[in-house]
Amino acid sequence: MLDEIGTVAGEIWNYLDNNEEASVGKLTQELKHTDRMILLGLGWLAREGQLDIVKRQRATYFILNATSDNEGSSS
């Protein structure tokens, strides 16, 4: 399961690197994973300090922070 979460985290990282920001719903739709796997992947990236989290109105968006440039995540 850890390998799968790491793989999803890497997919999220790549998506955010190319698209700047996304909500959980957008990541679920674009990456074709369950909400649960997306949230686990986001947790992985957050724990590594690679995400900024922004709340706008009722939505939460995830953005790669400056320290995550060219690092990726899939280990």
Protein backbone atom coordinates (compact mmCIF):
# COMPACT_ATOMS: atom_id res chain seq x y z
CA MET A 1 0.00 0.00 0.00
CA LEU A 2 2.87 2.40 0.75
CA ASP A 3 4.21 1.92 -2.76
CA GLU A 4 0.80 2.77 -4.21
CA ILE A 5 0.51 5.90 -2.04
CA GLY A 6 4.00 6.98 -3.10
CA THR A 7 3.09 6.44 -6.75
CA VAL A 8 -0.08 8.51 -6.38
CA ALA A 9 1.93 11.22 -4.58
CA GLY A 10 4.29 11.32 -7.57
CA GLU A 11 1.36 11.61 -9.98
CA ILE A 12 -0.07 14.46 -7.91
CA TRP A 13 3.32 16.19 -7.83
CA ASN A 14 3.62 15.94 -11.62
CA TYR A 15 0.07 17.18 -12.12
CA LEU A 16 0.62 20.19 -9.85
CA ASP A 17 3.97 20.90 -11.47
CA ASN A 18 2.18 21.20 -14.83
CA ASN A 19 -1.07 22.82 -13.65
CA GLU A 20 -0.04 24.99 -10.69
CA GLU A 21 -2.99 24.18 -8.39
CA ALA A 22 -5.87 21.77 -7.95
CA SER A 23 -8.60 20.73 -5.55
CA VAL A 24 -9.14 17.17 -4.35
CA GLY A 25 -12.07 16.87 -6.76
CA LYS A 26 -9.98 18.01 -9.72
CA LEU A 27 -7.14 15.64 -8.82
CA THR A 28 -9.59 12.74 -8.44
CA GLN A 29 -11.14 13.50 -11.82
CA GLU A 30 -7.88 14.05 -13.70
CA LEU A 31 -5.75 11.30 -12.15
CA LYS A 32 -8.51 8.65 -11.99
CA HIS A 33 -7.89 7.66 -8.37
CA THR A 34 -10.32 7.47 -5.46
CA ASP A 35 -10.71 10.42 -3.10
CA ARG A 36 -9.04 8.30 -0.43
CA MET A 37 -5.92 7.66 -2.52
CA ILE A 38 -5.70 11.32 -3.53
CA LEU A 39 -5.95 12.37 0.12
CA LEU A 40 -3.27 9.85 1.12
CA GLY A 41 -1.01 11.13 -1.66
CA LEU A 42 -1.61 14.73 -0.61
CA GLY A 43 -0.79 13.76 2.97
CA TRP A 44 2.46 12.22 1.78
CA LEU A 45 3.43 15.43 -0.04
CA ALA A 46 2.31 17.62 2.85
CA ARG A 47 4.38 15.58 5.30
CA GLU A 48 7.40 16.09 3.05
CA GLY A 49 6.74 19.84 3.13
CA GLN A 50 6.11 20.05 -0.61
CA LEU A 51 2.62 21.58 -0.58
CA ASP A 52 1.03 24.90 0.13
CA ILE A 53 -2.65 24.67 1.01
CA VAL A 54 -4.94 27.58 0.16
CA LYS A 55 -8.61 27.95 1.15
CA ARG A 56 -10.80 30.07 -1.10
CA GLN A 57 -14.43 30.35 -0.12
CA ARG A 58 -15.56 26.74 0.36
CA ALA A 59 -12.79 25.10 -1.68
CA THR A 60 -9.29 24.00 -0.70
CA TYR A 61 -6.52 24.10 -3.30
CA PHE A 62 -3.12 22.43 -3.27
CA ILE A 63 -0.05 24.07 -4.79
CA LEU A 64 3.57 22.93 -4.94
CA ASN A 65 5.67 25.22 -2.81
CA ALA A 66 8.94 26.72 -3.99
CA THR A 67 11.08 24.17 -2.14
CA SER A 68 9.59 21.27 -4.09
CA ASP A 69 10.90 22.42 -7.50
CA ASN A 70 12.39 19.52 -9.47
CA GLU A 71 12.16 17.09 -6.55
CA GLY A 72 9.14 14.96 -7.48
CA SER A 73 7.91 12.27 -5.15
CA SER A 74 7.43 8.59 -5.71
CA SER A 75 9.69 6.85 -3.23
